[in-house]
Amino acid sequence: MSLIRSSAKGDLGAVKKLLSEGADVNSTDANGRTALIEASWGGYNDVVKLLIEKGADVNAADKSGYTAIMRASEEGHQTIVTSLIKAGADVNCKGKVKGTTPLMLAAERGHIKILGTLISNGAKVNDLDLYEETALARAYHSEQTKAAEFLESKGGRGKPERSSYSYSEKESKGTTKASLPQWSAAAFESGYDEEEGPAESFDEE
């Protein structure tokens, strides 16, 4: 089993063995993902710690521009976010498709503690994605009210008009560009999907 796949499964023993045998800690799979990205995504603290100790690039990005701290922020892995920051992770990195930041990902999922950690370590509260949306707007679009309130307490701006984020899934059937919020309308027009989420299976390395 490869280092990347072992890391994605959280198999610390296998990761140790592969590294001792000379596996490249920064090798990538077909999606451009490293072992650290996969371990951070899965929430495997011990694996993340070991990979960092062995020289993993904390700012390596996959083909979508996603880094380890983006995946950890998205999934709510507080300890890993902290470890990555201590190791030099860029808290203001951006995905390639929508210009998403770690703060935006945490806001969309309502991970308030991670929002606080990111902001206290230099995350730009009012940074814009490619559709000129802030983390605050993302929180409202995702109906993460507490996260939105927290961001506002930290100076967050960009609250959307109520009509732009209060549509239900039922109401969105037969969607047209005009019926979507700003960021969704732009994605609808361009043909882009949401940035890739966790896969059930992994590509062969």
C-alpha atoms as a PDB file:
ATOM      1  CA  MET A   1       0.000   0.000   0.000  1.00  0.00           C
ATOM      2  CA  SER A   2       1.316   3.457  -0.874  1.00  0.00           C
ATOM      3  CA  LEU A   3       2.165   6.179   1.627  1.00  0.00           C
ATOM      4  CA  ILE A   4      -0.696   8.339   0.379  1.00  0.00           C
ATOM      5  CA  ARG A   5      -3.286   5.619   0.699  1.00  0.00           C
ATOM      6  CA  SER A   6      -2.003   4.532   4.093  1.00  0.00           C
ATOM      7  CA  SER A   7      -2.207   8.143   5.281  1.00  0.00           C
ATOM      8  CA  ALA A   8      -5.730   8.460   3.911  1.00  0.00           C
ATOM      9  CA  LYS A   9      -6.722   5.434   5.986  1.00  0.00           C
ATOM     10  CA  GLY A  10      -4.966   6.691   9.098  1.00  0.00           C
ATOM     11  CA  ASP A  11      -2.735   3.618   9.255  1.00  0.00           C
ATOM     12  CA  LEU A  12       0.085   4.993  11.418  1.00  0.00           C
ATOM     13  CA  GLY A  13       2.007   1.727  11.488  1.00  0.00           C
ATOM     14  CA  ALA A  14       2.052   1.455   7.721  1.00  0.00           C
ATOM     15  CA  VAL A  15       3.031   5.103   7.363  1.00  0.00           C
ATOM     16  CA  LYS A  16       5.967   4.627   9.745  1.00  0.00           C
ATOM     17  CA  LYS A  17       7.099   1.532   7.866  1.00  0.00           C
ATOM     18  CA  LEU A  18       6.884   3.154   4.443  1.00  0.00           C
ATOM     19  CA  LEU A  19       8.775   6.232   5.595  1.00  0.00           C
ATOM     20  CA  SER A  20      11.490   4.070   7.147  1.00  0.00           C
ATOM     21  CA  GLU A  21      11.821   2.318   3.795  1.00  0.00           C
ATOM     22  CA  GLY A  22      12.410   5.618   2.039  1.00  0.00           C
ATOM     23  CA  ALA A  23       8.964   6.605   0.751  1.00  0.00           C
ATOM     24  CA  ASP A  24       8.824  10.195  -0.516  1.00  0.00           C
ATOM     25  CA  VAL A  25       6.838  12.149   2.073  1.00  0.00           C
ATOM     26  CA  ASN A  26       5.835  14.710  -0.571  1.00  0.00           C
ATOM     27  CA  SER A  27       4.835  12.347  -3.371  1.00  0.00           C
ATOM     28  CA  THR A  28       1.460  13.024  -5.004  1.00  0.00           C
ATOM     29  CA  ASP A  29      -1.344  10.946  -6.459  1.00  0.00           C
ATOM     30  CA  ALA A  30      -3.255  11.501  -9.697  1.00  0.00           C
ATOM     31  CA  ASN A  31      -5.217  14.321  -8.044  1.00  0.00           C
ATOM     32  CA  GLY A  32      -2.075  16.054  -6.839  1.00  0.00           C
ATOM     33  CA  ARG A  33      -2.768  15.125  -3.221  1.00  0.00           C
ATOM     34  CA  THR A  34       0.004  14.401  -0.759  1.00  0.00           C
ATOM     35  CA  ALA A  35      -0.043  12.096   2.235  1.00  0.00           C
ATOM     36  CA  LEU A  36      -0.360  15.150   4.487  1.00  0.00           C
ATOM     37  CA  ILE A  37      -3.393  16.453   2.622  1.00  0.00           C
ATOM     38  CA  GLU A  38      -5.116  13.084   2.926  1.00  0.00           C
ATOM     39  CA  ALA A  39      -4.268  12.615   6.604  1.00  0.00           C
ATOM     40  CA  SER A  40      -5.402  16.162   7.409  1.00  0.00           C
ATOM     41  CA  TRP A  41      -8.633  15.612   5.511  1.00  0.00           C
ATOM     42  CA  GLY A  42      -9.323  12.396   7.388  1.00  0.00           C
ATOM     43  CA  GLY A  43      -8.524  13.833  10.802  1.00  0.00           C
ATOM     44  CA  TYR A  44      -5.627  11.531  11.636  1.00  0.00           C
ATOM     45  CA  ASN A  45      -3.677  13.601  14.145  1.00  0.00           C
ATOM     46  CA  ASP A  46      -0.839  11.153  14.776  1.00  0.00           C
ATOM     47  CA  VAL A  47      -0.235  10.616  11.083  1.00  0.00           C
ATOM     48  CA  VAL A  48      -0.226  14.357  10.454  1.00  0.00           C
ATOM     49  CA  LYS A  49       2.268  14.911  13.263  1.00  0.00           C
ATOM     50  CA  LEU A  50       4.593  12.213  11.919  1.00  0.00           C
ATOM     51  CA  LEU A  51       4.432  13.476   8.339  1.00  0.00           C
ATOM     52  CA  ILE A  52       5.257  17.005   9.474  1.00  0.00           C
ATOM     53  CA  GLU A  53       8.190  15.679  11.516  1.00  0.00           C
ATOM     54  CA  LYS A  54       9.447  13.885   8.408  1.00  0.00           C
ATOM     55  CA  GLY A  55       9.413  17.059   6.332  1.00  0.00           C
ATOM     56  CA  ALA A  56       6.011  17.094   4.653  1.00  0.00           C
ATOM     57  CA  ASP A  57       5.314  20.329   2.778  1.00  0.00           C
ATOM     58  CA  VAL A  58       2.461  21.894   4.743  1.00  0.00           C
ATOM     59  CA  ASN A  59       1.597  24.223   1.855  1.00  0.00           C
ATOM     60  CA  ALA A  60       1.532  21.647  -0.931  1.00  0.00           C
ATOM     61  CA  ALA A  61      -1.678  21.979  -2.949  1.00  0.00           C
ATOM     62  CA  ASP A  62      -3.603  19.457  -5.010  1.00  0.00           C
ATOM     63  CA  LYS A  63      -4.901  20.091  -8.525  1.00  0.00           C
ATOM     64  CA  SER A  64      -7.844  22.089  -7.136  1.00  0.00           C
ATOM     65  CA  GLY A  65      -5.470  24.273  -5.147  1.00  0.00           C
ATOM     66  CA  TYR A  66      -6.546  22.702  -1.865  1.00  0.00           C
ATOM     67  CA  THR A  67      -3.933  22.365   0.878  1.00  0.00           C
ATOM     68  CA  ALA A  68      -3.880  20.362   4.089  1.00  0.00           C
ATOM     69  CA  ILE A  69      -5.134  23.273   6.194  1.00  0.00           C
ATOM     70  CA  MET A  70      -8.036  23.815   3.819  1.00  0.00           C
ATOM     71  CA  ARG A  71      -9.156  20.206   4.175  1.00  0.00           C
ATOM     72  CA  ALA A  72      -8.711  20.228   7.948  1.00  0.00           C
ATOM     73  CA  SER A  73     -10.636  23.507   8.256  1.00  0.00           C
ATOM     74  CA  GLU A  74     -13.415  22.145   6.075  1.00  0.00           C
ATOM     75  CA  GLU A  75     -13.822  18.995   8.153  1.00  0.00           C
ATOM     76  CA  GLY A  76     -13.481  20.627  11.563  1.00  0.00           C
ATOM     77  CA  HIS A  77     -10.192  19.066  12.652  1.00  0.00           C
ATOM     78  CA  GLN A  78      -9.126  21.667  15.206  1.00  0.00           C
ATOM     79  CA  THR A  79      -5.978  19.948  16.475  1.00  0.00           C
ATOM     80  CA  ILE A  80      -4.696  19.404  12.960  1.00  0.00           C
ATOM     81  CA  VAL A  81      -5.375  23.005  11.971  1.00  0.00           C
ATOM     82  CA  THR A  82      -3.317  24.131  14.950  1.00  0.00           C
ATOM     83  CA  SER A  83      -0.489  21.718  14.126  1.00  0.00           C
ATOM     84  CA  LEU A  84      -0.375  22.868  10.521  1.00  0.00           C
ATOM     85  CA  ILE A  85      -0.281  26.530  11.517  1.00  0.00           C
ATOM     86  CA  LYS A  86       2.591  25.854  13.918  1.00  0.00           C
ATOM     87  CA  ALA A  87       4.406  24.148  11.044  1.00  0.00           C
ATOM     88  CA  GLY A  88       3.986  27.195   8.801  1.00  0.00           C
ATOM     89  CA  ALA A  89       0.757  26.582   6.891  1.00  0.00           C
ATOM     90  CA  ASP A  90      -0.597  29.571   4.955  1.00  0.00           C
ATOM     91  CA  VAL A  91      -3.942  30.514   6.521  1.00  0.00           C
ATOM     92  CA  ASN A  92      -4.855  32.657   3.504  1.00  0.00           C
ATOM     93  CA  CYS A  93      -4.253  30.131   0.729  1.00  0.00           C
ATOM     94  CA  LYS A  94      -6.941  29.858  -1.951  1.00  0.00           C
ATOM     95  CA  GLY A  95      -8.496  27.139  -4.068  1.00  0.00           C
ATOM     96  CA  LYS A  96      -8.209  27.475  -7.827  1.00  0.00           C
ATOM     97  CA  VAL A  97     -11.862  27.115  -8.828  1.00  0.00           C
ATOM     98  CA  LYS A  98     -13.627  29.650  -6.583  1.00  0.00           C
ATOM     99  CA  GLY A  99     -10.795  31.249  -4.647  1.00  0.00           C
ATOM    100  CA  THR A 100     -11.967  29.597  -1.455  1.00  0.00           C
ATOM    101  CA  THR A 101      -9.913  30.139   1.720  1.00  0.00           C
ATOM    102  CA  PRO A 102      -9.650  27.984   4.865  1.00  0.00           C
ATOM    103  CA  LEU A 103     -11.768  30.579   6.681  1.00  0.00           C
ATOM    104  CA  MET A 104     -14.530  30.287   4.100  1.00  0.00           C
ATOM    105  CA  LEU A 105     -14.547  26.504   4.362  1.00  0.00           C
ATOM    106  CA  ALA A 106     -14.774  26.630   8.147  1.00  0.00           C
ATOM    107  CA  ALA A 107     -17.537  29.244   7.905  1.00  0.00           C
ATOM    108  CA  GLU A 108     -19.608  27.107   5.545  1.00  0.00           C
ATOM    109  CA  ARG A 109     -19.434  24.189   7.964  1.00  0.00           C
ATOM    110  CA  GLY A 110     -19.956  26.255  11.112  1.00  0.00           C
ATOM    111  CA  HIS A 111     -16.627  25.395  12.744  1.00  0.00           C
ATOM    112  CA  ILE A 112     -16.437  28.375  15.091  1.00  0.00           C
ATOM    113  CA  LYS A 113     -13.348  27.306  17.045  1.00  0.00           C
ATOM    114  CA  ILE A 114     -11.435  26.899  13.819  1.00  0.00           C
ATOM    115  CA  LEU A 115     -12.626  30.306  12.656  1.00  0.00           C
ATOM    116  CA  GLY A 116     -11.157  31.770  15.828  1.00  0.00           C
ATOM    117  CA  THR A 117      -7.874  29.915  15.411  1.00  0.00           C
ATOM    118  CA  LEU A 118      -7.499  31.006  11.811  1.00  0.00           C
ATOM    119  CA  ILE A 119      -8.311  34.644  12.549  1.00  0.00           C
ATOM    120  CA  SER A 120      -5.970  34.785  15.539  1.00  0.00           C
ATOM    121  CA  ASN A 121      -3.224  33.509  13.259  1.00  0.00           C
ATOM    122  CA  GLY A 122      -3.682  36.060  10.510  1.00  0.00           C
ATOM    123  CA  ALA A 123      -6.584  34.879   8.372  1.00  0.00           C
ATOM    124  CA  LYS A 124      -8.148  37.770   6.461  1.00  0.00           C
ATOM    125  CA  VAL A 125     -11.728  38.055   7.677  1.00  0.00           C
ATOM    126  CA  ASN A 126     -12.973  39.938   4.620  1.00  0.00           C
ATOM    127  CA  ASP A 127     -10.936  38.277   1.901  1.00  0.00           C
ATOM    128  CA  LEU A 128     -12.968  37.721  -1.271  1.00  0.00           C
ATOM    129  CA  ASP A 129     -13.352  34.611  -3.377  1.00  0.00           C
ATOM    130  CA  LEU A 130     -13.510  34.765  -7.178  1.00  0.00           C
ATOM    131  CA  TYR A 131     -17.209  35.679  -6.983  1.00  0.00           C
ATOM    132  CA  GLU A 132     -16.542  38.512  -4.520  1.00  0.00           C
ATOM    133  CA  GLU A 133     -18.023  36.652  -1.573  1.00  0.00           C
ATOM    134  CA  THR A 134     -16.560  36.785   1.943  1.00  0.00           C
ATOM    135  CA  ALA A 135     -16.488  34.092   4.612  1.00  0.00           C
ATOM    136  CA  LEU A 136     -19.459  35.852   6.221  1.00  0.00           C
ATOM    137  CA  ALA A 137     -21.475  35.531   3.033  1.00  0.00           C
ATOM    138  CA  ARG A 138     -20.528  31.866   2.782  1.00  0.00           C
ATOM    139  CA  ALA A 139     -21.729  31.298   6.351  1.00  0.00           C
ATOM    140  CA  TYR A 140     -25.090  32.888   5.592  1.00  0.00           C
ATOM    141  CA  HIS A 141     -25.492  30.964   2.335  1.00  0.00           C
ATOM    142  CA  SER A 142     -24.924  27.758   4.322  1.00  0.00           C
ATOM    143  CA  GLU A 143     -27.307  28.901   7.087  1.00  0.00           C
ATOM    144  CA  GLN A 144     -24.511  28.780   9.670  1.00  0.00           C
ATOM    145  CA  THR A 145     -25.953  31.589  11.770  1.00  0.00           C
ATOM    146  CA  LYS A 146     -23.637  31.217  14.766  1.00  0.00           C
ATOM    147  CA  ALA A 147     -20.586  31.195  12.530  1.00  0.00           C
ATOM    148  CA  ALA A 148     -21.902  34.293  10.770  1.00  0.00           C
ATOM    149  CA  GLU A 149     -22.453  36.068  14.081  1.00  0.00           C
ATOM    150  CA  PHE A 150     -18.936  35.163  15.183  1.00  0.00           C
ATOM    151  CA  LEU A 151     -17.461  36.546  11.974  1.00  0.00           C
ATOM    152  CA  GLU A 152     -19.461  39.750  12.357  1.00  0.00           C
ATOM    153  CA  SER A 153     -18.040  40.108  15.876  1.00  0.00           C
ATOM    154  CA  LYS A 154     -14.591  39.949  14.289  1.00  0.00           C
ATOM    155  CA  GLY A 155     -15.407  42.657  11.763  1.00  0.00           C
ATOM    156  CA  GLY A 156     -16.759  40.413   9.058  1.00  0.00           C
ATOM    157  CA  ARG A 157     -18.588  42.127   6.212  1.00  0.00           C
ATOM    158  CA  GLY A 158     -20.459  41.054   3.115  1.00  0.00           C
ATOM    159  CA  LYS A 159     -23.766  39.844   4.557  1.00  0.00           C
ATOM    160  CA  PRO A 160     -25.978  38.983   1.566  1.00  0.00           C
ATOM    161  CA  GLU A 161     -29.517  40.182   1.068  1.00  0.00           C
ATOM    162  CA  ARG A 162     -31.978  37.859   2.797  1.00  0.00           C
ATOM    163  CA  SER A 163     -33.531  36.844  -0.511  1.00  0.00           C
ATOM    164  CA  SER A 164     -30.183  35.604  -1.787  1.00  0.00           C
ATOM    165  CA  TYR A 165     -29.715  32.863   0.799  1.00  0.00           C
ATOM    166  CA  SER A 166     -33.157  31.865   2.095  1.00  0.00           C
ATOM    167  CA  TYR A 167     -34.176  29.522  -0.700  1.00  0.00           C
ATOM    168  CA  SER A 168     -34.815  25.863   0.065  1.00  0.00           C
ATOM    169  CA  GLU A 169     -33.790  22.808  -1.935  1.00  0.00           C
ATOM    170  CA  LYS A 170     -37.393  22.349  -2.969  1.00  0.00           C
ATOM    171  CA  GLU A 171     -37.603  25.916  -4.215  1.00  0.00           C
ATOM    172  CA  SER A 172     -34.369  25.511  -6.153  1.00  0.00           C
ATOM    173  CA  LYS A 173     -35.686  22.742  -8.413  1.00  0.00           C
ATOM    174  CA  GLY A 174     -35.761  23.949 -11.980  1.00  0.00           C
ATOM    175  CA  THR A 175     -32.978  26.343 -11.050  1.00  0.00           C
ATOM    176  CA  THR A 176     -32.097  29.215 -13.317  1.00  0.00           C
ATOM    177  CA  LYS A 177     -29.144  31.538 -13.065  1.00  0.00           C
ATOM    178  CA  ALA A 178     -31.405  34.397 -11.964  1.00  0.00           C
ATOM    179  CA  SER A 179     -32.723  32.402  -8.981  1.00  0.00           C
ATOM    180  CA  LEU A 180     -29.305  31.670  -7.503  1.00  0.00           C
ATOM    181  CA  PRO A 181     -27.154  33.617  -5.030  1.00  0.00           C
ATOM    182  CA  GLN A 182     -24.302  35.575  -6.596  1.00  0.00           C
ATOM    183  CA  TRP A 183     -21.607  32.932  -6.155  1.00  0.00           C
ATOM    184  CA  SER A 184     -23.903  30.110  -7.332  1.00  0.00           C
ATOM    185  CA  ALA A 185     -25.034  32.132 -10.342  1.00  0.00           C
ATOM    186  CA  ALA A 186     -21.462  32.639 -11.411  1.00  0.00           C
ATOM    187  CA  ALA A 187     -20.712  28.941 -11.007  1.00  0.00           C
ATOM    188  CA  PHE A 188     -23.948  28.087 -12.872  1.00  0.00           C
ATOM    189  CA  GLU A 189     -22.915  30.293 -15.781  1.00  0.00           C
ATOM    190  CA  SER A 190     -19.338  29.015 -15.921  1.00  0.00           C
ATOM    191  CA  GLY A 191     -20.271  25.366 -15.596  1.00  0.00           C
ATOM    192  CA  TYR A 192     -18.080  24.793 -12.528  1.00  0.00           C
ATOM    193  CA  ASP A 193     -19.200  22.442  -9.798  1.00  0.00           C
ATOM    194  CA  GLU A 194     -18.359  22.840  -6.144  1.00  0.00           C
ATOM    195  CA  GLU A 195     -14.738  22.119  -5.386  1.00  0.00           C
ATOM    196  CA  GLU A 196     -14.208  18.403  -5.101  1.00  0.00           C
ATOM    197  CA  GLY A 197     -15.282  16.739  -1.886  1.00  0.00           C
ATOM    198  CA  PRO A 198     -13.940  13.623  -0.195  1.00  0.00           C
ATOM    199  CA  ALA A 199     -13.913  10.572  -2.443  1.00  0.00           C
ATOM    200  CA  GLU A 200     -14.972   7.137  -1.308  1.00  0.00           C
ATOM    201  CA  SER A 201     -12.185   5.533  -3.312  1.00  0.00           C
ATOM    202  CA  PHE A 202      -8.690   6.696  -4.116  1.00  0.00           C
ATOM    203  CA  ASP A 203      -6.812   6.763  -7.377  1.00  0.00           C
ATOM    204  CA  GLU A 204      -3.871   4.444  -7.767  1.00  0.00           C
ATOM    205  CA  GLU A 205      -0.575   6.169  -7.127  1.00  0.00           C
END
